[in-house]
Amino acid sequence: MQKTTFIAACALILAALAPSPALGQNREHQQMAAELRILQEQTQQLAITLATLNQALAESVKGLAARLEDTNNAVRKAFADQKLLIDNMSNDLRVIRERSDDTNVRIASLREELEALRVTVQALQQAAVAPPPPPADPNAPVDPNAPAPAPAPAPAQPPLPPAAGLSPTRLYETARADYFAGQWTSAITGFEAFLRAFPKSEQADDAQLYIGETHFAQNQWPEAITAYEQAIQSYPGTNSVPVAYYKLGLTHQRLGQIQQAQAAWEAAAKNFPDSDAGRLARQSLERLKTTEPAR
């Protein structure tokens, strides 16, 4: 009996001294909570570090953007200044070119004036040189009753050419002014004098065309045809040729020469399709087809 009681008491003491399962679980929870707090503190520290880095990066980006903007402004200003400089140089070159062209025109005009003066001087020199009178025969018998011989008349001075003293431009403009003023005879005389004096001038084809226009204005159809054909034959490749073809067709039409008119208009429309005269010639051909009687 005593032995059984002793055993039971030992069992109770051992049970009291043995660790309980609930106490072990509590310690594990405490250790996990401590580790969780450590992780939370590390996370907070990492968040603070990231925020600091983001703020520093934002400030760096802002400074870089400001420097880039300053660089862009400097580049734009440099390009604007360069463009302004180029524009100023272009304007200066244009002014120089215009002045050079004006100088060339003046030099050409002076050259024409000098050439005209040279022609005038030559004409005056030729007029001043007169053939000497034939010498008297000393062996011829002298009639004492004959009246005294009359003084020999001064030799007639040859007339100066119409273009003497006039430059090509002045002579051409004078004749053209006569044309627009309706002074037909003076205009034809002036244009013909211009062509005789300056046959290789740049305005020679226009002068020949104006001769045809002057005859056309006076209803002098044969003379106009001759003048237009002369412009076509003598000045190929000039801007007067398509006009001459078109007006030649009109002149033939006035005379009732429909086939000749059609041939002239076809030449203008075929050879000069993009010119005003070519387009007018095509219109005249269309009208001719509509008015031509049916065969």
C-alpha atoms as a PDB file:
ATOM      1  CA  MET A   1       0.000   0.000   0.000  1.00  0.00           C
ATOM      2  CA  GLN A   2       2.750   2.420   0.887  1.00  0.00           C
ATOM      3  CA  LYS A   3       4.611   1.381  -2.199  1.00  0.00           C
ATOM      4  CA  THR A   4       1.637   2.204  -4.446  1.00  0.00           C
ATOM      5  CA  THR A   5       1.254   5.609  -2.852  1.00  0.00           C
ATOM      6  CA  PHE A   6       4.904   6.405  -3.402  1.00  0.00           C
ATOM      7  CA  ILE A   7       4.692   5.521  -7.077  1.00  0.00           C
ATOM      8  CA  ALA A   8       1.658   7.729  -7.568  1.00  0.00           C
ATOM      9  CA  ALA A   9       3.422  10.651  -5.887  1.00  0.00           C
ATOM     10  CA  CYS A  10       6.470  10.250  -8.129  1.00  0.00           C
ATOM     11  CA  ALA A  11       4.236  10.199 -11.172  1.00  0.00           C
ATOM     12  CA  LEU A  12       2.594  13.414 -10.068  1.00  0.00           C
ATOM     13  CA  ILE A  13       5.976  15.079  -9.525  1.00  0.00           C
ATOM     14  CA  LEU A  14       7.228  14.010 -12.964  1.00  0.00           C
ATOM     15  CA  ALA A  15       4.040  15.245 -14.589  1.00  0.00           C
ATOM     16  CA  ALA A  16       4.463  18.574 -12.885  1.00  0.00           C
ATOM     17  CA  LEU A  17       8.077  18.894 -13.937  1.00  0.00           C
ATOM     18  CA  ALA A  18       7.492  17.895 -17.652  1.00  0.00           C
ATOM     19  CA  PRO A  19       6.967  20.947 -20.131  1.00  0.00           C
ATOM     20  CA  SER A  20       3.468  21.436 -21.376  1.00  0.00           C
ATOM     21  CA  PRO A  21       2.689  21.592 -25.172  1.00  0.00           C
ATOM     22  CA  ALA A  22       0.874  24.932 -24.816  1.00  0.00           C
ATOM     23  CA  LEU A  23       3.965  26.576 -23.388  1.00  0.00           C
ATOM     24  CA  GLY A  24       6.089  25.442 -26.366  1.00  0.00           C
ATOM     25  CA  GLN A  25       3.619  26.806 -28.883  1.00  0.00           C
ATOM     26  CA  ASN A  26       3.573  30.173 -27.130  1.00  0.00           C
ATOM     27  CA  ARG A  27       7.335  30.506 -27.447  1.00  0.00           C
ATOM     28  CA  GLU A  28       7.173  29.742 -31.182  1.00  0.00           C
ATOM     29  CA  HIS A  29       4.556  32.465 -31.661  1.00  0.00           C
ATOM     30  CA  GLN A  30       6.690  34.917 -29.788  1.00  0.00           C
ATOM     31  CA  GLN A  31       9.724  34.085 -31.939  1.00  0.00           C
ATOM     32  CA  MET A  32       7.679  34.470 -35.164  1.00  0.00           C
ATOM     33  CA  ALA A  33       6.277  37.807 -33.942  1.00  0.00           C
ATOM     34  CA  ALA A  34       9.796  39.036 -33.238  1.00  0.00           C
ATOM     35  CA  GLU A  35      10.966  37.984 -36.693  1.00  0.00           C
ATOM     36  CA  LEU A  36       7.874  39.672 -38.244  1.00  0.00           C
ATOM     37  CA  ARG A  37       8.666  42.898 -36.415  1.00  0.00           C
ATOM     38  CA  ILE A  38      12.237  42.709 -37.677  1.00  0.00           C
ATOM     39  CA  LEU A  39      10.935  42.227 -41.236  1.00  0.00           C
ATOM     40  CA  GLN A  40       8.533  45.169 -40.830  1.00  0.00           C
ATOM     41  CA  GLU A  41      11.345  47.387 -39.608  1.00  0.00           C
ATOM     42  CA  GLN A  42      13.538  46.317 -42.520  1.00  0.00           C
ATOM     43  CA  THR A  43      10.637  46.963 -44.947  1.00  0.00           C
ATOM     44  CA  GLN A  44      10.100  50.426 -43.495  1.00  0.00           C
ATOM     45  CA  GLN A  45      13.810  51.159 -43.735  1.00  0.00           C
ATOM     46  CA  LEU A  46      13.837  49.949 -47.349  1.00  0.00           C
ATOM     47  CA  ALA A  47      10.797  52.108 -48.160  1.00  0.00           C
ATOM     48  CA  ILE A  48      12.524  55.145 -46.644  1.00  0.00           C
ATOM     49  CA  THR A  49      15.646  54.386 -48.670  1.00  0.00           C
ATOM     50  CA  LEU A  50      13.605  53.979 -51.872  1.00  0.00           C
ATOM     51  CA  ALA A  51      11.761  57.252 -51.222  1.00  0.00           C
ATOM     52  CA  THR A  52      15.071  59.017 -50.710  1.00  0.00           C
ATOM     53  CA  LEU A  53      16.447  57.530 -53.919  1.00  0.00           C
ATOM     54  CA  ASN A  54      13.280  58.471 -55.847  1.00  0.00           C
ATOM     55  CA  GLN A  55      13.485  62.036 -54.595  1.00  0.00           C
ATOM     56  CA  ALA A  56      17.155  62.259 -55.543  1.00  0.00           C
ATOM     57  CA  LEU A  57      16.425  60.739 -58.961  1.00  0.00           C
ATOM     58  CA  ALA A  58      13.531  63.164 -59.515  1.00  0.00           C
ATOM     59  CA  GLU A  59      15.758  66.090 -58.669  1.00  0.00           C
ATOM     60  CA  SER A  60      18.457  64.757 -61.001  1.00  0.00           C
ATOM     61  CA  VAL A  61      15.924  64.321 -63.820  1.00  0.00           C
ATOM     62  CA  LYS A  62      14.576  67.800 -63.199  1.00  0.00           C
ATOM     63  CA  GLY A  63      18.062  69.293 -63.361  1.00  0.00           C
ATOM     64  CA  LEU A  64      18.875  67.291 -66.490  1.00  0.00           C
ATOM     65  CA  ALA A  65      15.625  68.445 -68.116  1.00  0.00           C
ATOM     66  CA  ALA A  66      16.492  72.047 -67.273  1.00  0.00           C
ATOM     67  CA  ARG A  67      19.955  71.660 -68.787  1.00  0.00           C
ATOM     68  CA  LEU A  68      18.470  70.016 -71.881  1.00  0.00           C
ATOM     69  CA  GLU A  69      15.976  72.866 -72.233  1.00  0.00           C
ATOM     70  CA  ASP A  70      18.777  75.396 -71.930  1.00  0.00           C
ATOM     71  CA  THR A  71      20.776  73.462 -74.537  1.00  0.00           C
ATOM     72  CA  ASN A  72      17.760  73.324 -76.872  1.00  0.00           C
ATOM     73  CA  ASN A  73      17.157  77.048 -76.435  1.00  0.00           C
ATOM     74  CA  ALA A  74      20.800  77.753 -77.199  1.00  0.00           C
ATOM     75  CA  VAL A  75      20.673  75.506 -80.288  1.00  0.00           C
ATOM     76  CA  ARG A  76      17.433  77.111 -81.499  1.00  0.00           C
ATOM     77  CA  LYS A  77      18.901  80.555 -80.978  1.00  0.00           C
ATOM     78  CA  ALA A  78      22.052  79.546 -82.839  1.00  0.00           C
ATOM     79  CA  PHE A  79      19.969  78.182 -85.732  1.00  0.00           C
ATOM     80  CA  ALA A  80      17.811  81.330 -85.756  1.00  0.00           C
ATOM     81  CA  ASP A  81      20.896  83.529 -85.802  1.00  0.00           C
ATOM     82  CA  GLN A  82      22.415  81.420 -88.567  1.00  0.00           C
ATOM     83  CA  LYS A  83      19.201  81.580 -90.619  1.00  0.00           C
ATOM     84  CA  LEU A  84      19.040  85.342 -90.142  1.00  0.00           C
ATOM     85  CA  LEU A  85      22.659  85.615 -91.246  1.00  0.00           C
ATOM     86  CA  ILE A  86      21.989  83.447 -94.312  1.00  0.00           C
ATOM     87  CA  ASP A  87      18.875  85.478 -95.177  1.00  0.00           C
ATOM     88  CA  ASN A  88      20.838  88.712 -94.868  1.00  0.00           C
ATOM     89  CA  MET A  89      23.581  87.306 -97.068  1.00  0.00           C
ATOM     90  CA  SER A  90      20.985  86.154 -99.620  1.00  0.00           C
ATOM     91  CA  ASN A  91      19.411  89.600 -99.658  1.00  0.00           C
ATOM     92  CA  ASP A  92      22.822  91.201-100.062  1.00  0.00           C
ATOM     93  CA  LEU A  93      23.650  88.824-102.919  1.00  0.00           C
ATOM     94  CA  ARG A  94      20.303  89.571-104.564  1.00  0.00           C
ATOM     95  CA  VAL A  95      20.935  93.306-104.300  1.00  0.00           C
ATOM     96  CA  ILE A  96      24.438  92.841-105.705  1.00  0.00           C
ATOM     97  CA  ARG A  97      23.070  90.712-108.544  1.00  0.00           C
ATOM     98  CA  GLU A  98      20.393  93.290-109.351  1.00  0.00           C
ATOM     99  CA  ARG A  99      22.941  96.082-109.309  1.00  0.00           C
ATOM    100  CA  SER A 100      25.267  93.996-111.474  1.00  0.00           C
ATOM    101  CA  ASP A 101      22.465  93.360-113.968  1.00  0.00           C
ATOM    102  CA  ASP A 102      21.601  97.052-113.980  1.00  0.00           C
ATOM    103  CA  THR A 103      25.257  97.897-114.519  1.00  0.00           C
ATOM    104  CA  ASN A 104      25.455  95.410-117.386  1.00  0.00           C
ATOM    105  CA  VAL A 105      22.366  96.956-118.960  1.00  0.00           C
ATOM    106  CA  ARG A 106      23.858 100.432-118.630  1.00  0.00           C
ATOM    107  CA  ILE A 107      27.162  99.249-120.076  1.00  0.00           C
ATOM    108  CA  ALA A 108      25.322  97.671-123.004  1.00  0.00           C
ATOM    109  CA  SER A 109      23.354 100.868-123.527  1.00  0.00           C
ATOM    110  CA  LEU A 110      26.551 102.932-123.451  1.00  0.00           C
ATOM    111  CA  ARG A 111      28.161 100.524-125.888  1.00  0.00           C
ATOM    112  CA  GLU A 112      25.205 100.984-128.226  1.00  0.00           C
ATOM    113  CA  GLU A 113      25.437 104.748-127.860  1.00  0.00           C
ATOM    114  CA  LEU A 114      29.170 104.651-128.655  1.00  0.00           C
ATOM    115  CA  GLU A 115      28.534 102.464-131.683  1.00  0.00           C
ATOM    116  CA  ALA A 116      25.859 104.891-132.866  1.00  0.00           C
ATOM    117  CA  LEU A 117      28.228 107.822-132.375  1.00  0.00           C
ATOM    118  CA  ARG A 118      30.932 105.953-134.293  1.00  0.00           C
ATOM    119  CA  VAL A 119      28.522 105.443-137.187  1.00  0.00           C
ATOM    120  CA  THR A 120      27.616 109.131-137.059  1.00  0.00           C
ATOM    121  CA  VAL A 121      31.259 110.196-137.074  1.00  0.00           C
ATOM    122  CA  GLN A 122      31.990 107.955-140.033  1.00  0.00           C
ATOM    123  CA  ALA A 123      29.018 109.389-141.895  1.00  0.00           C
ATOM    124  CA  LEU A 124      30.162 112.941-141.146  1.00  0.00           C
ATOM    125  CA  GLN A 125      33.689 112.117-142.291  1.00  0.00           C
ATOM    126  CA  GLN A 126      32.385 110.681-145.541  1.00  0.00           C
ATOM    127  CA  ALA A 127      30.236 113.773-146.020  1.00  0.00           C
ATOM    128  CA  ALA A 128      33.179 116.070-145.366  1.00  0.00           C
ATOM    129  CA  VAL A 129      35.369 114.407-147.971  1.00  0.00           C
ATOM    130  CA  ALA A 130      34.205 115.912-151.274  1.00  0.00           C
ATOM    131  CA  PRO A 131      35.837 115.196-154.657  1.00  0.00           C
ATOM    132  CA  PRO A 132      38.030 118.122-155.766  1.00  0.00           C
ATOM    133  CA  PRO A 133      36.874 120.132-158.848  1.00  0.00           C
ATOM    134  CA  PRO A 134      38.533 119.204-162.131  1.00  0.00           C
ATOM    135  CA  PRO A 135      41.622 121.332-162.782  1.00  0.00           C
ATOM    136  CA  ALA A 136      41.405 124.019-165.503  1.00  0.00           C
ATOM    137  CA  ASP A 137      43.264 123.371-168.733  1.00  0.00           C
ATOM    138  CA  PRO A 138      46.010 126.015-168.970  1.00  0.00           C
ATOM    139  CA  ASN A 139      46.315 125.488-172.756  1.00  0.00           C
ATOM    140  CA  ALA A 140      42.677 126.197-173.454  1.00  0.00           C
ATOM    141  CA  PRO A 141      42.067 129.436-175.433  1.00  0.00           C
ATOM    142  CA  VAL A 142      40.633 132.278-173.439  1.00  0.00           C
ATOM    143  CA  ASP A 143      37.812 134.315-174.919  1.00  0.00           C
ATOM    144  CA  PRO A 144      38.310 137.957-173.848  1.00  0.00           C
ATOM    145  CA  ASN A 145      34.650 138.733-174.484  1.00  0.00           C
ATOM    146  CA  ALA A 146      33.414 135.784-172.383  1.00  0.00           C
ATOM    147  CA  PRO A 147      31.832 136.695-169.026  1.00  0.00           C
ATOM    148  CA  ALA A 148      33.641 135.818-165.873  1.00  0.00           C
ATOM    149  CA  PRO A 149      32.954 132.266-164.790  1.00  0.00           C
ATOM    150  CA  ALA A 150      30.525 131.871-161.943  1.00  0.00           C
ATOM    151  CA  PRO A 151      31.884 130.362-158.750  1.00  0.00           C
ATOM    152  CA  ALA A 152      31.478 126.635-158.600  1.00  0.00           C
ATOM    153  CA  PRO A 153      28.639 125.577-156.330  1.00  0.00           C
ATOM    154  CA  ALA A 154      29.547 123.819-153.140  1.00  0.00           C
ATOM    155  CA  PRO A 155      29.326 120.074-153.467  1.00  0.00           C
ATOM    156  CA  ALA A 156      26.129 118.598-152.108  1.00  0.00           C
ATOM    157  CA  GLN A 157      26.603 116.872-148.789  1.00  0.00           C
ATOM    158  CA  PRO A 158      25.363 113.285-148.793  1.00  0.00           C
ATOM    159  CA  PRO A 159      22.456 112.836-146.382  1.00  0.00           C
ATOM    160  CA  LEU A 160      23.155 111.110-143.098  1.00  0.00           C
ATOM    161  CA  PRO A 161      21.628 107.691-142.532  1.00  0.00           C
ATOM    162  CA  PRO A 162      18.342 107.738-140.587  1.00  0.00           C
ATOM    163  CA  ALA A 163      19.916 105.782-137.714  1.00  0.00           C
ATOM    164  CA  ALA A 164      22.888 108.093-137.291  1.00  0.00           C
ATOM    165  CA  GLY A 165      23.362 109.129-133.695  1.00  0.00           C
ATOM    166  CA  LEU A 166      20.689 106.786-132.356  1.00  0.00           C
ATOM    167  CA  SER A 167      21.297 103.658-130.323  1.00  0.00           C
ATOM    168  CA  PRO A 168      19.391 100.472-131.233  1.00  0.00           C
ATOM    169  CA  THR A 169      17.164 100.796-128.187  1.00  0.00           C
ATOM    170  CA  ARG A 170      16.326 104.429-128.879  1.00  0.00           C
ATOM    171  CA  LEU A 171      15.677 103.827-132.568  1.00  0.00           C
ATOM    172  CA  TYR A 172      13.484 100.810-131.830  1.00  0.00           C
ATOM    173  CA  GLU A 173      11.504 102.576-129.106  1.00  0.00           C
ATOM    174  CA  THR A 174      10.979 105.603-131.349  1.00  0.00           C
ATOM    175  CA  ALA A 175       9.540 103.422-134.114  1.00  0.00           C
ATOM    176  CA  ARG A 176       7.387 101.524-131.626  1.00  0.00           C
ATOM    177  CA  ALA A 177       6.041 104.785-130.208  1.00  0.00           C
ATOM    178  CA  ASP A 178       5.077 105.816-133.744  1.00  0.00           C
ATOM    179  CA  TYR A 179       3.300 102.471-134.168  1.00  0.00           C
ATOM    180  CA  PHE A 180       1.203 102.836-131.015  1.00  0.00           C
ATOM    181  CA  ALA A 181       0.476 106.456-131.929  1.00  0.00           C
ATOM    182  CA  GLY A 182      -0.926 105.342-135.280  1.00  0.00           C
ATOM    183  CA  GLN A 183       1.862 107.017-137.264  1.00  0.00           C
ATOM    184  CA  TRP A 184       2.046 104.089-139.666  1.00  0.00           C
ATOM    185  CA  THR A 185       4.420 105.555-142.234  1.00  0.00           C
ATOM    186  CA  SER A 186       6.882 106.789-139.620  1.00  0.00           C
ATOM    187  CA  ALA A 187       6.681 103.461-137.801  1.00  0.00           C
ATOM    188  CA  ILE A 188       7.514 101.426-140.918  1.00  0.00           C
ATOM    189  CA  THR A 189      10.331 103.812-141.811  1.00  0.00           C
ATOM    190  CA  GLY A 190      11.745 103.580-138.297  1.00  0.00           C
ATOM    191  CA  PHE A 191      11.558  99.775-138.134  1.00  0.00           C
ATOM    192  CA  GLU A 192      13.131  99.409-141.566  1.00  0.00           C
ATOM    193  CA  ALA A 193      15.926 101.809-140.594  1.00  0.00           C
ATOM    194  CA  PHE A 194      16.446  99.819-137.410  1.00  0.00           C
ATOM    195  CA  LEU A 195      16.750  96.562-139.362  1.00  0.00           C
ATOM    196  CA  ARG A 196      19.201  98.119-141.832  1.00  0.00           C
ATOM    197  CA  ALA A 197      21.377  99.578-139.078  1.00  0.00           C
ATOM    198  CA  PHE A 198      21.148  96.781-136.523  1.00  0.00           C
ATOM    199  CA  PRO A 199      20.147  93.548-138.301  1.00  0.00           C
ATOM    200  CA  LYS A 200      21.611  91.332-135.544  1.00  0.00           C
ATOM    201  CA  SER A 201      20.003  93.108-132.603  1.00  0.00           C
ATOM    202  CA  GLU A 202      17.916  91.132-130.122  1.00  0.00           C
ATOM    203  CA  GLN A 203      14.917  93.234-131.135  1.00  0.00           C
ATOM    204  CA  ALA A 204      15.292  92.644-134.858  1.00  0.00           C
ATOM    205  CA  ASP A 205      12.601  89.930-134.954  1.00  0.00           C
ATOM    206  CA  ASP A 206      10.192  92.200-133.065  1.00  0.00           C
ATOM    207  CA  ALA A 207      10.882  95.032-135.507  1.00  0.00           C
ATOM    208  CA  GLN A 208      10.124  92.773-138.472  1.00  0.00           C
ATOM    209  CA  LEU A 209       6.938  91.564-136.794  1.00  0.00           C
ATOM    210  CA  TYR A 210       5.870  95.171-136.123  1.00  0.00           C
ATOM    211  CA  ILE A 211       6.275  95.935-139.827  1.00  0.00           C
ATOM    212  CA  GLY A 212       3.747  93.195-140.550  1.00  0.00           C
ATOM    213  CA  GLU A 213       1.465  94.477-137.789  1.00  0.00           C
ATOM    214  CA  THR A 214       1.614  97.996-139.211  1.00  0.00           C
ATOM    215  CA  HIS A 215       0.567  96.771-142.665  1.00  0.00           C
ATOM    216  CA  PHE A 216      -2.135  94.601-141.066  1.00  0.00           C
ATOM    217  CA  ALA A 217      -3.522  97.624-139.199  1.00  0.00           C
ATOM    218  CA  GLN A 218      -3.843  99.453-142.549  1.00  0.00           C
ATOM    219  CA  ASN A 219      -5.524  96.483-144.280  1.00  0.00           C
ATOM    220  CA  GLN A 220      -2.496  96.165-146.551  1.00  0.00           C
ATOM    221  CA  TRP A 221      -2.815  92.392-146.785  1.00  0.00           C
ATOM    222  CA  PRO A 222      -0.140  91.517-149.386  1.00  0.00           C
ATOM    223  CA  GLU A 223       2.458  93.703-147.655  1.00  0.00           C
ATOM    224  CA  ALA A 224       1.525  92.155-144.288  1.00  0.00           C
ATOM    225  CA  ILE A 225       1.916  88.637-145.710  1.00  0.00           C
ATOM    226  CA  THR A 226       5.375  89.519-147.029  1.00  0.00           C
ATOM    227  CA  ALA A 227       6.422  90.984-143.672  1.00  0.00           C
ATOM    228  CA  TYR A 228       5.149  88.007-141.650  1.00  0.00           C
ATOM    229  CA  GLU A 229       6.839  85.513-143.961  1.00  0.00           C
ATOM    230  CA  GLN A 230      10.067  87.523-143.667  1.00  0.00           C
ATOM    231  CA  ALA A 231       9.869  87.302-139.870  1.00  0.00           C
ATOM    232  CA  ILE A 232       9.375  83.525-140.049  1.00  0.00           C
ATOM    233  CA  GLN A 233      12.230  82.960-142.497  1.00  0.00           C
ATOM    234  CA  SER A 234      14.773  85.422-141.113  1.00  0.00           C
ATOM    235  CA  TYR A 235      14.320  84.910-137.373  1.00  0.00           C
ATOM    236  CA  PRO A 236      13.633  81.218-136.635  1.00  0.00           C
ATOM    237  CA  GLY A 237      13.624  80.228-133.001  1.00  0.00           C
ATOM    238  CA  THR A 238      12.510  83.630-131.730  1.00  0.00           C
ATOM    239  CA  ASN A 239       9.290  84.408-129.896  1.00  0.00           C
ATOM    240  CA  SER A 240       8.006  86.375-132.881  1.00  0.00           C
ATOM    241  CA  VAL A 241       7.664  83.294-135.111  1.00  0.00           C
ATOM    242  CA  PRO A 242       4.488  81.798-133.540  1.00  0.00           C
ATOM    243  CA  VAL A 243       2.816  85.227-133.593  1.00  0.00           C
ATOM    244  CA  ALA A 244       3.860  85.693-137.213  1.00  0.00           C
ATOM    245  CA  TYR A 245       2.316  82.303-138.138  1.00  0.00           C
ATOM    246  CA  TYR A 246      -0.941  83.154-136.399  1.00  0.00           C
ATOM    247  CA  LYS A 247      -1.213  86.640-137.927  1.00  0.00           C
ATOM    248  CA  LEU A 248      -0.234  85.209-141.316  1.00  0.00           C
ATOM    249  CA  GLY A 249      -3.245  82.909-141.052  1.00  0.00           C
ATOM    250  CA  LEU A 250      -5.499  85.845-140.165  1.00  0.00           C
ATOM    251  CA  THR A 251      -4.193  87.814-143.132  1.00  0.00           C
ATOM    252  CA  HIS A 252      -4.856  84.953-145.550  1.00  0.00           C
ATOM    253  CA  GLN A 253      -8.330  84.618-144.046  1.00  0.00           C
ATOM    254  CA  ARG A 254      -8.990  88.313-144.767  1.00  0.00           C
ATOM    255  CA  LEU A 255      -8.114  87.627-148.388  1.00  0.00           C
ATOM    256  CA  GLY A 256     -10.365  84.563-148.487  1.00  0.00           C
ATOM    257  CA  GLN A 257      -7.390  82.220-148.836  1.00  0.00           C
ATOM    258  CA  ILE A 258      -8.706  79.588-146.444  1.00  0.00           C
ATOM    259  CA  GLN A 259      -6.225  76.847-147.327  1.00  0.00           C
ATOM    260  CA  GLN A 260      -3.229  79.138-146.761  1.00  0.00           C
ATOM    261  CA  ALA A 261      -4.770  80.354-143.495  1.00  0.00           C
ATOM    262  CA  GLN A 262      -5.325  76.784-142.335  1.00  0.00           C
ATOM    263  CA  ALA A 263      -1.727  75.848-143.186  1.00  0.00           C
ATOM    264  CA  ALA A 264      -0.352  78.792-141.200  1.00  0.00           C
ATOM    265  CA  TRP A 265      -2.527  78.022-138.161  1.00  0.00           C
ATOM    266  CA  GLU A 266      -1.619  74.341-138.276  1.00  0.00           C
ATOM    267  CA  ALA A 267       2.081  75.281-138.278  1.00  0.00           C
ATOM    268  CA  ALA A 268       1.583  77.512-135.239  1.00  0.00           C
ATOM    269  CA  ALA A 269      -0.491  74.911-133.350  1.00  0.00           C
ATOM    270  CA  LYS A 270       1.894  72.054-134.148  1.00  0.00           C
ATOM    271  CA  ASN A 271       5.254  73.759-133.638  1.00  0.00           C
ATOM    272  CA  PHE A 272       4.289  76.049-130.744  1.00  0.00           C
ATOM    273  CA  PRO A 273       1.499  74.272-128.830  1.00  0.00           C
ATOM    274  CA  ASP A 274       2.240  75.900-125.469  1.00  0.00           C
ATOM    275  CA  SER A 275       2.402  79.485-126.740  1.00  0.00           C
ATOM    276  CA  ASP A 276      -0.500  81.927-126.762  1.00  0.00           C
ATOM    277  CA  ALA A 277      -0.309  82.115-130.546  1.00  0.00           C
ATOM    278  CA  GLY A 278      -0.465  78.305-130.752  1.00  0.00           C
ATOM    279  CA  ARG A 279      -3.581  78.196-128.594  1.00  0.00           C
ATOM    280  CA  LEU A 280      -5.222  80.966-130.620  1.00  0.00           C
ATOM    281  CA  ALA A 281      -4.337  79.079-133.795  1.00  0.00           C
ATOM    282  CA  ARG A 282      -6.067  75.931-132.469  1.00  0.00           C
ATOM    283  CA  GLN A 283      -9.156  77.969-131.652  1.00  0.00           C
ATOM    284  CA  SER A 284      -9.137  79.428-135.168  1.00  0.00           C
ATOM    285  CA  LEU A 285      -8.866  75.934-136.646  1.00  0.00           C
ATOM    286  CA  GLU A 286     -11.834  74.787-134.553  1.00  0.00           C
ATOM    287  CA  ARG A 287     -13.902  77.734-135.722  1.00  0.00           C
ATOM    288  CA  LEU A 288     -12.831  77.023-139.283  1.00  0.00           C
ATOM    289  CA  LYS A 289     -14.092  73.438-138.987  1.00  0.00           C
ATOM    290  CA  THR A 290     -17.467  74.564-137.655  1.00  0.00           C
ATOM    291  CA  THR A 291     -17.957  77.189-140.348  1.00  0.00           C
ATOM    292  CA  GLU A 292     -16.618  75.113-143.239  1.00  0.00           C
ATOM    293  CA  PRO A 293     -19.499  74.090-145.553  1.00  0.00           C
ATOM    294  CA  ALA A 294     -20.230  70.390-145.768  1.00  0.00           C
ATOM    295  CA  ARG A 295     -18.890  68.725-148.908  1.00  0.00           C
END
